Amino acid sequence: MRILGLMLAAGLLASCGVVGPPVAPETVGVAPTIAKQKKQQEALEAQQREKAAEAETEEAEREPEEPEVALPPLQPVETR
């Protein structure tokens, strides 16, 4: 019984404390998370702007296509 108590006490003492290196308080919390999300959002918006600019230049370079069906000229159907 005494051995079991010693093993239990040793296990509790060994488990107390933090495992790993210390973490700076500037990297933990809400403010750093918000800043990181803002940076990601800005990067995403920049990529979208680049894609939109590329699509716009491609569309401007492309010549308008002729319609496949020739439409009749517009004429009034009935006048009073």
C-alpha atoms as a PDB file:
ATOM      1  CA  MET A   1       0.000   0.000   0.000  1.00  0.00           C
ATOM      2  CA  ARG A   2       2.848   2.325   0.819  1.00  0.00           C
ATOM      3  CA  ILE A   3       4.477   1.662  -2.545  1.00  0.00           C
ATOM      4  CA  LEU A   4       1.217   2.431  -4.328  1.00  0.00           C
ATOM      5  CA  GLY A   5       0.945   5.743  -2.475  1.00  0.00           C
ATOM      6  CA  LEU A   6       4.536   6.669  -3.366  1.00  0.00           C
ATOM      7  CA  MET A   7       3.928   5.845  -7.035  1.00  0.00           C
ATOM      8  CA  LEU A   8       0.763   7.928  -7.045  1.00  0.00           C
ATOM      9  CA  ALA A   9       2.522  10.891  -5.408  1.00  0.00           C
ATOM     10  CA  ALA A  10       5.467  10.645  -7.814  1.00  0.00           C
ATOM     11  CA  GLY A  11       3.083  10.548 -10.764  1.00  0.00           C
ATOM     12  CA  LEU A  12       1.192  13.630  -9.553  1.00  0.00           C
ATOM     13  CA  LEU A  13       4.411  15.559  -8.940  1.00  0.00           C
ATOM     14  CA  ALA A  14       5.775  14.653 -12.346  1.00  0.00           C
ATOM     15  CA  SER A  15       2.573  15.735 -14.072  1.00  0.00           C
ATOM     16  CA  CYS A  16       2.543  19.206 -12.484  1.00  0.00           C
ATOM     17  CA  GLY A  17       3.942  21.991 -14.643  1.00  0.00           C
ATOM     18  CA  VAL A  18       3.980  22.915 -18.286  1.00  0.00           C
ATOM     19  CA  VAL A  19       5.449  20.649 -20.917  1.00  0.00           C
ATOM     20  CA  GLY A  20       7.419  22.452 -23.624  1.00  0.00           C
ATOM     21  CA  PRO A  21       9.100  25.803 -24.041  1.00  0.00           C
ATOM     22  CA  PRO A  22       7.497  28.965 -22.703  1.00  0.00           C
ATOM     23  CA  VAL A  23       5.106  30.853 -24.983  1.00  0.00           C
ATOM     24  CA  ALA A  24       5.334  34.608 -25.380  1.00  0.00           C
ATOM     25  CA  PRO A  25       2.138  36.398 -24.339  1.00  0.00           C
ATOM     26  CA  GLU A  26       2.162  38.415 -27.588  1.00  0.00           C
ATOM     27  CA  THR A  27       1.416  35.264 -29.594  1.00  0.00           C
ATOM     28  CA  VAL A  28      -1.529  34.059 -27.494  1.00  0.00           C
ATOM     29  CA  GLY A  29      -4.976  35.579 -27.311  1.00  0.00           C
ATOM     30  CA  VAL A  30      -7.565  37.312 -29.440  1.00  0.00           C
ATOM     31  CA  ALA A  31      -5.527  40.242 -30.801  1.00  0.00           C
ATOM     32  CA  PRO A  32      -2.853  38.115 -32.561  1.00  0.00           C
ATOM     33  CA  THR A  33      -5.560  35.861 -33.972  1.00  0.00           C
ATOM     34  CA  ILE A  34      -7.444  38.844 -35.403  1.00  0.00           C
ATOM     35  CA  ALA A  35      -4.242  40.280 -36.869  1.00  0.00           C
ATOM     36  CA  LYS A  36      -3.414  36.952 -38.514  1.00  0.00           C
ATOM     37  CA  GLN A  37      -6.919  36.696 -39.977  1.00  0.00           C
ATOM     38  CA  LYS A  38      -6.695  40.254 -41.334  1.00  0.00           C
ATOM     39  CA  LYS A  39      -3.417  39.434 -43.081  1.00  0.00           C
ATOM     40  CA  GLN A  40      -4.959  36.314 -44.610  1.00  0.00           C
ATOM     41  CA  GLN A  41      -8.015  38.300 -45.755  1.00  0.00           C
ATOM     42  CA  GLU A  42      -5.849  41.011 -47.328  1.00  0.00           C
ATOM     43  CA  ALA A  43      -3.800  38.389 -49.173  1.00  0.00           C
ATOM     44  CA  LEU A  44      -6.985  36.736 -50.436  1.00  0.00           C
ATOM     45  CA  GLU A  45      -8.411  40.069 -51.608  1.00  0.00           C
ATOM     46  CA  ALA A  46      -5.154  40.898 -53.407  1.00  0.00           C
ATOM     47  CA  GLN A  47      -5.304  37.570 -55.261  1.00  0.00           C
ATOM     48  CA  GLN A  48      -8.916  38.202 -56.233  1.00  0.00           C
ATOM     49  CA  ARG A  49      -8.054  41.685 -57.527  1.00  0.00           C
ATOM     50  CA  GLU A  50      -5.215  40.232 -59.621  1.00  0.00           C
ATOM     51  CA  LYS A  51      -7.515  37.586 -61.082  1.00  0.00           C
ATOM     52  CA  ALA A  52     -10.170  40.207 -61.853  1.00  0.00           C
ATOM     53  CA  ALA A  53      -7.592  42.430 -63.567  1.00  0.00           C
ATOM     54  CA  GLU A  54      -6.350  39.489 -65.661  1.00  0.00           C
ATOM     55  CA  ALA A  55      -9.895  38.567 -66.651  1.00  0.00           C
ATOM     56  CA  GLU A  56     -10.621  42.184 -67.564  1.00  0.00           C
ATOM     57  CA  THR A  57      -7.561  42.431 -69.818  1.00  0.00           C
ATOM     58  CA  GLU A  58      -8.404  39.124 -71.483  1.00  0.00           C
ATOM     59  CA  GLU A  59     -11.953  40.297 -72.092  1.00  0.00           C
ATOM     60  CA  ALA A  60     -10.742  43.604 -73.540  1.00  0.00           C
ATOM     61  CA  GLU A  61      -8.312  41.829 -75.870  1.00  0.00           C
ATOM     62  CA  ARG A  62     -10.967  39.475 -77.158  1.00  0.00           C
ATOM     63  CA  GLU A  63     -12.802  40.734 -80.251  1.00  0.00           C
ATOM     64  CA  PRO A  64     -16.587  40.787 -80.160  1.00  0.00           C
ATOM     65  CA  GLU A  65     -18.072  37.803 -81.931  1.00  0.00           C
ATOM     66  CA  GLU A  66     -20.670  38.092 -84.647  1.00  0.00           C
ATOM     67  CA  PRO A  67     -24.072  36.685 -83.704  1.00  0.00           C
ATOM     68  CA  GLU A  68     -24.789  33.346 -85.333  1.00  0.00           C
ATOM     69  CA  VAL A  69     -28.366  34.265 -86.222  1.00  0.00           C
ATOM     70  CA  ALA A  70     -28.944  37.325 -88.368  1.00  0.00           C
ATOM     71  CA  LEU A  71     -31.781  39.291 -86.812  1.00  0.00           C
ATOM     72  CA  PRO A  72     -34.239  41.237 -88.986  1.00  0.00           C
ATOM     73  CA  PRO A  73     -34.185  45.026 -88.761  1.00  0.00           C
ATOM     74  CA  LEU A  74     -36.470  46.587 -86.184  1.00  0.00           C
ATOM     75  CA  GLN A  75     -39.710  47.766 -87.725  1.00  0.00           C
ATOM     76  CA  PRO A  76     -42.925  48.833 -86.055  1.00  0.00           C
ATOM     77  CA  VAL A  77     -45.524  46.114 -86.097  1.00  0.00           C
ATOM     78  CA  GLU A  78     -48.573  48.352 -86.050  1.00  0.00           C
ATOM     79  CA  THR A  79     -48.977  52.107 -85.932  1.00  0.00           C
ATOM     80  CA  ARG A  80     -52.000  54.238 -85.168  1.00  0.00           C
END
